[in-house]
């Protein structure tokens, strides 16, 4: 059973028989389907069905010569809103099945963001027609979580907010220069990190770590698309799975200047979320690459 099914409202789904019935329902009554031929002339299909606003299950597989669909795997998804990043994205196929991981090097985070690709069919189609690499793409991230908590914000006055904003702009410029090989920028960033480490090491003796760290985005565990995050809640809504009746929070999180939606079952969230508070949890990161329309026709 997929670990993150509970994040879309299926926390009580336990038996393999019930799962097969659910997947059959998705395929037979899908709201969105996509079909394409890959470079090996195999006809691939993907069937998606929403069980709440922007929340659902995707079933992926292939068609045989008699046009009979055989499912290979499934995954729960959350459709994100807005644009999370304008950086170029590279894509690699997973080793065990015909699913894909995307990699985005966004300056604001400081690490390579690895995510589970939601819209693999347009990518496979572009790959089969030799249209890769495609430039001018954008990225919409979203995430599912099965464990999270709500924390109070760090209180800041207007002057502190402006200073943080200016420091962020300056650091992003230095990061961009460092990526191009600017030795002075690399040295400046190294000295800043050393100063920050020294300051935090002194203050951590008497202050709580979450009063010093406002936000973070770190890899979690051994799976490359799972992260531990702490970010500000800038929007929220509650939706209900129309099949199970389970209630799910969809939180819009601003973390390390990246804004994306996170879905979490109400029974898995400790605390009451409100705009302005912070969300701390473990997420499975997903992404939808927004291809230019002419590239995937």
Protein backbone atom coordinates (compact mmCIF):
# COMPACT_ATOMS: atom_id res chain seq x y z
CA UNK A 1 0.00 0.00 0.00
CA UNK A 2 1.36 3.44 -0.89
CA UNK A 3 2.48 5.23 2.27
CA UNK A 4 1.03 8.59 1.20
CA UNK A 5 -2.50 7.39 0.34
CA UNK A 6 -3.65 8.72 3.73
CA UNK A 7 -2.60 12.23 2.65
CA UNK A 8 -5.38 12.20 0.04
CA UNK A 9 -8.00 10.75 2.40
CA UNK A 10 -7.49 6.98 2.31
CA UNK A 11 -6.12 6.29 5.79
CA UNK A 12 -8.43 3.30 6.36
CA UNK A 13 -7.58 1.52 3.10
CA UNK A 14 -5.80 -1.65 4.25
CA UNK A 15 -6.66 -4.69 2.09
CA UNK A 16 -5.30 -5.44 -1.37
CA UNK A 17 -8.81 -6.26 -2.58
CA UNK A 18 -10.14 -2.81 -1.63
CA UNK A 19 -7.13 -1.22 -3.32
CA UNK A 20 -7.78 -3.11 -6.57
CA UNK A 21 -11.41 -2.01 -6.49
CA UNK A 22 -10.32 1.61 -6.01
CA UNK A 23 -7.81 1.48 -8.87
CA UNK A 24 -10.42 -0.07 -11.15
CA UNK A 25 -12.75 2.82 -10.27
CA UNK A 26 -10.03 5.30 -11.20
CA UNK A 27 -9.42 3.68 -14.60
CA UNK A 28 -13.09 3.14 -15.49
CA UNK A 29 -14.31 6.57 -14.35
CA UNK A 30 -11.23 8.74 -14.80
CA UNK A 31 -11.67 12.49 -15.10
CA UNK A 32 -8.43 12.95 -16.99
CA UNK A 33 -6.48 10.55 -19.16
CA UNK A 34 -3.34 10.82 -21.26
CA UNK A 35 -1.97 8.37 -23.84
CA UNK A 36 1.22 8.48 -25.88
CA UNK A 37 3.68 6.28 -27.73
CA UNK A 38 7.20 6.09 -26.33
CA UNK A 39 10.40 5.75 -28.32
CA UNK A 40 10.14 1.93 -28.15
CA UNK A 41 6.69 2.08 -29.83
CA UNK A 42 4.87 1.04 -26.67
CA UNK A 43 1.51 2.70 -26.02
CA UNK A 44 1.51 4.15 -22.50
CA UNK A 45 -1.50 5.42 -20.59
CA UNK A 46 -2.25 7.36 -17.43
CA UNK A 47 -5.67 7.68 -15.78
CA UNK A 48 -6.36 10.28 -13.07
CA UNK A 49 -9.37 10.80 -10.84
CA UNK A 50 -9.87 13.50 -8.21
CA UNK A 51 -11.50 12.54 -4.91
CA UNK A 52 -11.34 16.12 -3.58
CA UNK A 53 -10.32 19.48 -5.05
CA UNK A 54 -6.89 18.92 -6.66
CA UNK A 55 -6.42 15.63 -4.75
CA UNK A 56 -6.59 12.23 -6.37
CA UNK A 57 -4.98 9.04 -7.59
CA UNK A 58 -3.17 8.34 -10.87
CA UNK A 59 -2.95 4.86 -12.39
CA UNK A 60 -0.17 4.28 -14.93
CA UNK A 61 0.48 1.40 -17.28
CA UNK A 62 0.55 0.34 -20.91
CA UNK A 63 -1.72 -1.01 -23.64
CA UNK A 64 -1.05 -4.30 -25.40
CA UNK A 65 -1.64 -5.13 -29.08
CA UNK A 66 -5.33 -5.75 -28.36
CA UNK A 67 -5.62 -2.33 -26.70
CA UNK A 68 -6.07 -3.90 -23.28
CA UNK A 69 -4.73 -1.73 -20.45
CA UNK A 70 -2.41 -3.30 -17.86
CA UNK A 71 -1.60 -1.15 -14.88
CA UNK A 72 2.02 -1.02 -13.72
CA UNK A 73 1.81 1.30 -10.70
CA UNK A 74 -0.25 4.03 -9.07
CA UNK A 75 0.41 7.06 -6.89
CA UNK A 76 -1.60 9.66 -4.96
CA UNK A 77 -1.15 13.26 -6.05
CA UNK A 78 -1.84 16.88 -5.17
CA UNK A 79 -2.16 19.33 -8.05
CA UNK A 80 -0.29 22.49 -7.08
CA UNK A 81 -1.14 26.09 -7.92
CA UNK A 82 1.00 28.91 -9.27
CA UNK A 83 4.65 28.84 -10.33
CA UNK A 84 7.20 27.65 -7.77
CA UNK A 85 10.37 28.03 -9.85
CA UNK A 86 11.47 29.40 -13.22
CA UNK A 87 14.75 27.45 -13.24
CA UNK A 88 15.40 24.78 -15.88
CA UNK A 89 14.53 21.20 -14.91
CA UNK A 90 16.23 17.95 -15.88
CA UNK A 91 14.40 14.60 -15.81
CA UNK A 92 15.60 11.03 -15.22
CA UNK A 93 13.69 7.74 -15.36
CA UNK A 94 13.46 5.61 -12.21
CA UNK A 95 15.25 2.27 -12.43
CA UNK A 96 12.42 -0.01 -11.30
CA UNK A 97 9.46 1.32 -13.28
CA UNK A 98 8.45 3.78 -15.98
CA UNK A 99 8.16 6.77 -13.63
CA UNK A 100 10.38 9.83 -13.56
CA UNK A 101 12.23 12.11 -11.16
CA UNK A 102 12.84 15.78 -11.87
CA UNK A 103 15.81 17.81 -10.68
CA UNK A 104 15.72 21.59 -10.26
CA UNK A 105 18.70 23.65 -9.12
CA UNK A 106 16.97 26.65 -7.57
CA UNK A 107 19.31 29.25 -6.10
CA UNK A 108 16.90 30.13 -3.29
CA UNK A 109 17.11 26.66 -1.70
CA UNK A 110 20.83 26.02 -2.03
CA UNK A 111 20.36 22.32 -2.88
CA UNK A 112 19.20 20.35 -5.91
CA UNK A 113 15.45 19.81 -5.56
CA UNK A 114 14.52 16.26 -6.56
CA UNK A 115 10.81 15.61 -7.05
CA UNK A 116 8.43 12.95 -8.38
CA UNK A 117 7.25 13.99 -11.85
CA UNK A 118 3.45 14.12 -12.13
CA UNK A 119 3.05 14.80 -15.86
CA UNK A 120 5.28 12.12 -17.35
CA UNK A 121 3.19 11.65 -20.53
CA UNK A 122 4.06 15.06 -22.10
CA UNK A 123 7.73 14.43 -21.26
CA UNK A 124 7.68 10.95 -22.84
CA UNK A 125 5.95 12.39 -25.91
CA UNK A 126 8.60 15.10 -26.27
CA UNK A 127 11.32 12.48 -25.79
CA UNK A 128 9.84 10.21 -28.49
CA UNK A 129 9.64 13.09 -30.98
CA UNK A 130 13.20 14.32 -30.27
CA UNK A 131 12.09 17.68 -28.87
CA UNK A 132 14.31 17.51 -25.78
CA UNK A 133 15.69 19.56 -24.17
CA UNK A 134 12.76 21.97 -23.96
CA UNK A 135 13.60 25.51 -22.85
CA UNK A 136 11.28 28.04 -21.27
CA UNK A 137 9.63 25.61 -18.86
CA UNK A 138 8.43 26.50 -15.38
CA UNK A 139 7.82 24.27 -12.38
CA UNK A 140 4.85 23.89 -10.03
CA UNK A 141 5.70 21.95 -6.89
CA UNK A 142 3.32 20.28 -4.45
CA UNK A 143 3.76 17.80 -1.62
CA UNK A 144 2.03 15.14 0.44
CA UNK A 145 2.68 14.69 4.15
CA UNK A 146 1.76 11.99 6.68
CA UNK A 147 3.28 13.68 9.72
CA UNK A 148 3.35 17.35 10.62
CA UNK A 149 2.91 19.90 13.39
CA UNK A 150 2.01 23.57 13.63
CA UNK A 151 4.42 25.97 15.31
CA UNK A 152 4.14 29.59 16.34
CA UNK A 153 5.98 32.17 14.19
CA UNK A 154 9.07 34.14 15.13
CA UNK A 155 7.96 37.67 15.92
CA UNK A 156 9.65 40.32 13.75
CA UNK A 157 9.13 44.04 13.39
CA UNK A 158 9.02 45.85 10.05
CA UNK A 159 12.72 46.75 10.13
CA UNK A 160 13.72 43.12 10.69
CA UNK A 161 11.48 41.94 7.84
CA UNK A 162 13.05 44.44 5.45
CA UNK A 163 16.54 43.44 6.53
CA UNK A 164 15.80 39.73 6.01
CA UNK A 165 14.39 40.48 2.56
CA UNK A 166 17.45 42.53 1.56
CA UNK A 167 19.86 39.88 2.91
CA UNK A 168 18.03 37.26 0.85
CA UNK A 169 18.31 39.30 -2.35
CA UNK A 170 22.03 39.85 -1.73
CA UNK A 171 22.64 36.16 -1.02
CA UNK A 172 20.80 35.08 -4.18
CA UNK A 173 22.99 37.39 -6.25
CA UNK A 174 26.10 35.94 -4.63
CA UNK A 175 24.85 32.38 -5.24
CA UNK A 176 24.23 33.17 -8.91
CA UNK A 177 27.73 34.60 -9.24
CA UNK A 178 29.26 31.63 -7.41
CA UNK A 179 27.58 29.19 -9.81
CA UNK A 180 29.36 31.00 -12.64
CA UNK A 181 32.74 30.54 -10.92
CA UNK A 182 33.15 33.97 -9.27
CA UNK A 183 35.86 33.29 -6.64
CA UNK A 184 35.08 36.46 -4.67
CA UNK A 185 31.42 35.48 -4.36
CA UNK A 186 32.40 31.96 -3.25
CA UNK A 187 34.72 33.38 -0.59
CA UNK A 188 32.05 35.83 0.64
CA UNK A 189 29.46 33.04 0.94
CA UNK A 190 31.94 30.81 2.79
CA UNK A 191 32.73 33.57 5.32
CA UNK A 192 29.02 34.30 5.83
CA UNK A 193 28.33 30.61 6.53
CA UNK A 194 31.19 30.48 9.03
CA UNK A 195 29.91 33.58 10.81
CA UNK A 196 26.37 32.16 10.90
CA UNK A 197 27.63 28.86 12.32
CA UNK A 198 29.58 30.67 15.05
CA UNK A 199 26.58 32.85 15.99
CA UNK A 200 24.16 29.92 16.13
CA UNK A 201 26.63 27.80 18.13
CA UNK A 202 26.76 30.50 20.80
CA UNK A 203 23.01 31.20 20.94
CA UNK A 204 21.94 27.55 20.87
CA UNK A 205 23.30 27.16 24.41
CA UNK A 206 20.42 29.19 25.84
CA UNK A 207 17.85 29.64 23.04
CA UNK A 208 15.47 27.15 21.45
CA UNK A 209 16.59 26.09 17.96
CA UNK A 210 13.20 26.99 16.40
CA UNK A 211 13.48 30.55 17.71
CA UNK A 212 16.74 30.86 15.74
CA UNK A 213 15.79 28.95 12.58
CA UNK A 214 12.85 30.55 10.80
CA UNK A 215 12.65 28.14 7.87
CA UNK A 216 14.55 25.19 6.43
CA UNK A 217 14.36 22.69 3.55
CA UNK A 218 16.46 19.55 4.09
CA UNK A 219 16.65 16.06 2.52
CA UNK A 220 15.09 13.41 4.75
CA UNK A 221 15.87 9.70 4.93
CA UNK A 222 17.27 7.64 2.06
CA UNK A 223 14.65 8.46 -0.59
CA UNK A 224 15.78 11.41 -2.64
CA UNK A 225 12.36 13.09 -3.08
CA UNK A 226 11.46 13.27 0.62
CA UNK A 227 12.30 16.33 2.68
CA UNK A 228 12.01 17.72 6.17
CA UNK A 229 10.69 21.29 6.01
CA UNK A 230 9.80 24.22 8.21
CA UNK A 231 7.94 27.06 6.53
CA UNK A 232 5.35 29.77 7.02
CA UNK A 233 1.69 29.02 6.31
CA UNK A 234 0.58 31.70 3.85
CA UNK A 235 -2.75 30.12 2.88
CA UNK A 236 -4.94 27.18 3.90
CA UNK A 237 -8.17 25.40 3.14
CA UNK A 238 -9.88 22.18 4.13
CA UNK A 239 -11.29 19.69 1.63
CA UNK A 240 -13.19 16.42 2.07
CA UNK A 241 -12.55 13.14 0.26
CA UNK A 242 -15.93 12.50 -1.37
CA UNK A 243 -15.50 8.71 -1.18
CA UNK A 244 -14.26 8.26 2.41
CA UNK A 245 -15.43 11.52 4.02
CA UNK A 246 -11.98 12.16 5.51
CA UNK A 247 -10.96 15.80 5.94
CA UNK A 248 -7.66 17.02 4.54
CA UNK A 249 -5.80 20.30 5.02
CA UNK A 250 -4.20 21.86 1.96
CA UNK A 251 -1.63 24.32 3.30
CA UNK A 252 0.21 26.83 1.11
CA UNK A 253 3.72 26.96 2.54
CA UNK A 254 6.49 29.52 1.95
CA UNK A 255 9.75 27.73 2.69
CA UNK A 256 13.16 29.14 1.77
CA UNK A 257 11.31 31.55 -0.57
CA UNK A 258 9.66 28.64 -2.42
CA UNK A 259 5.85 28.63 -2.31
CA UNK A 260 3.98 25.35 -2.79
CA UNK A 261 0.94 23.43 -1.51
CA UNK A 262 1.13 20.62 1.04
CA UNK A 263 -1.66 18.10 1.64
CA UNK A 264 -2.00 16.43 5.05
CA UNK A 265 -4.80 14.42 6.63
CA UNK A 266 -6.38 16.21 9.60
CA UNK A 267 -5.59 13.20 11.83
CA UNK A 268 -1.87 13.45 10.97
CA UNK A 269 -1.46 17.15 11.82
CA UNK A 270 -0.65 18.15 15.40
CA UNK A 271 -1.91 21.64 16.21
CA UNK A 272 -4.31 24.07 14.59
CA UNK A 273 -3.03 25.65 11.35
CA UNK A 274 -3.52 29.37 10.77
CA UNK A 275 -2.04 31.83 8.31
CA UNK A 276 1.12 33.26 9.85
CA UNK A 277 1.98 30.16 11.84
CA UNK A 278 4.61 27.68 10.71
CA UNK A 279 4.33 24.11 9.43
CA UNK A 280 6.99 21.56 10.36
CA UNK A 281 6.84 18.13 8.80
CA UNK A 282 8.10 15.43 6.46
CA UNK A 283 6.95 15.72 2.84
CA UNK A 284 7.01 13.73 -0.40
CA UNK A 285 7.78 16.32 -3.06
CA UNK A 286 5.97 16.18 -6.41
CA UNK A 287 6.28 18.45 -9.41
CA UNK A 288 4.42 19.39 -12.57
CA UNK A 289 6.61 20.76 -15.37
CA UNK A 290 4.77 23.45 -17.31
CA UNK A 291 5.92 22.88 -20.90
CA UNK A 292 5.37 25.54 -23.57
CA UNK A 293 2.25 24.53 -25.50
CA UNK A 294 4.03 24.25 -28.86
CA UNK A 295 6.60 21.84 -27.40
CA UNK A 296 4.14 19.06 -26.52
CA UNK A 297 1.65 19.27 -29.38
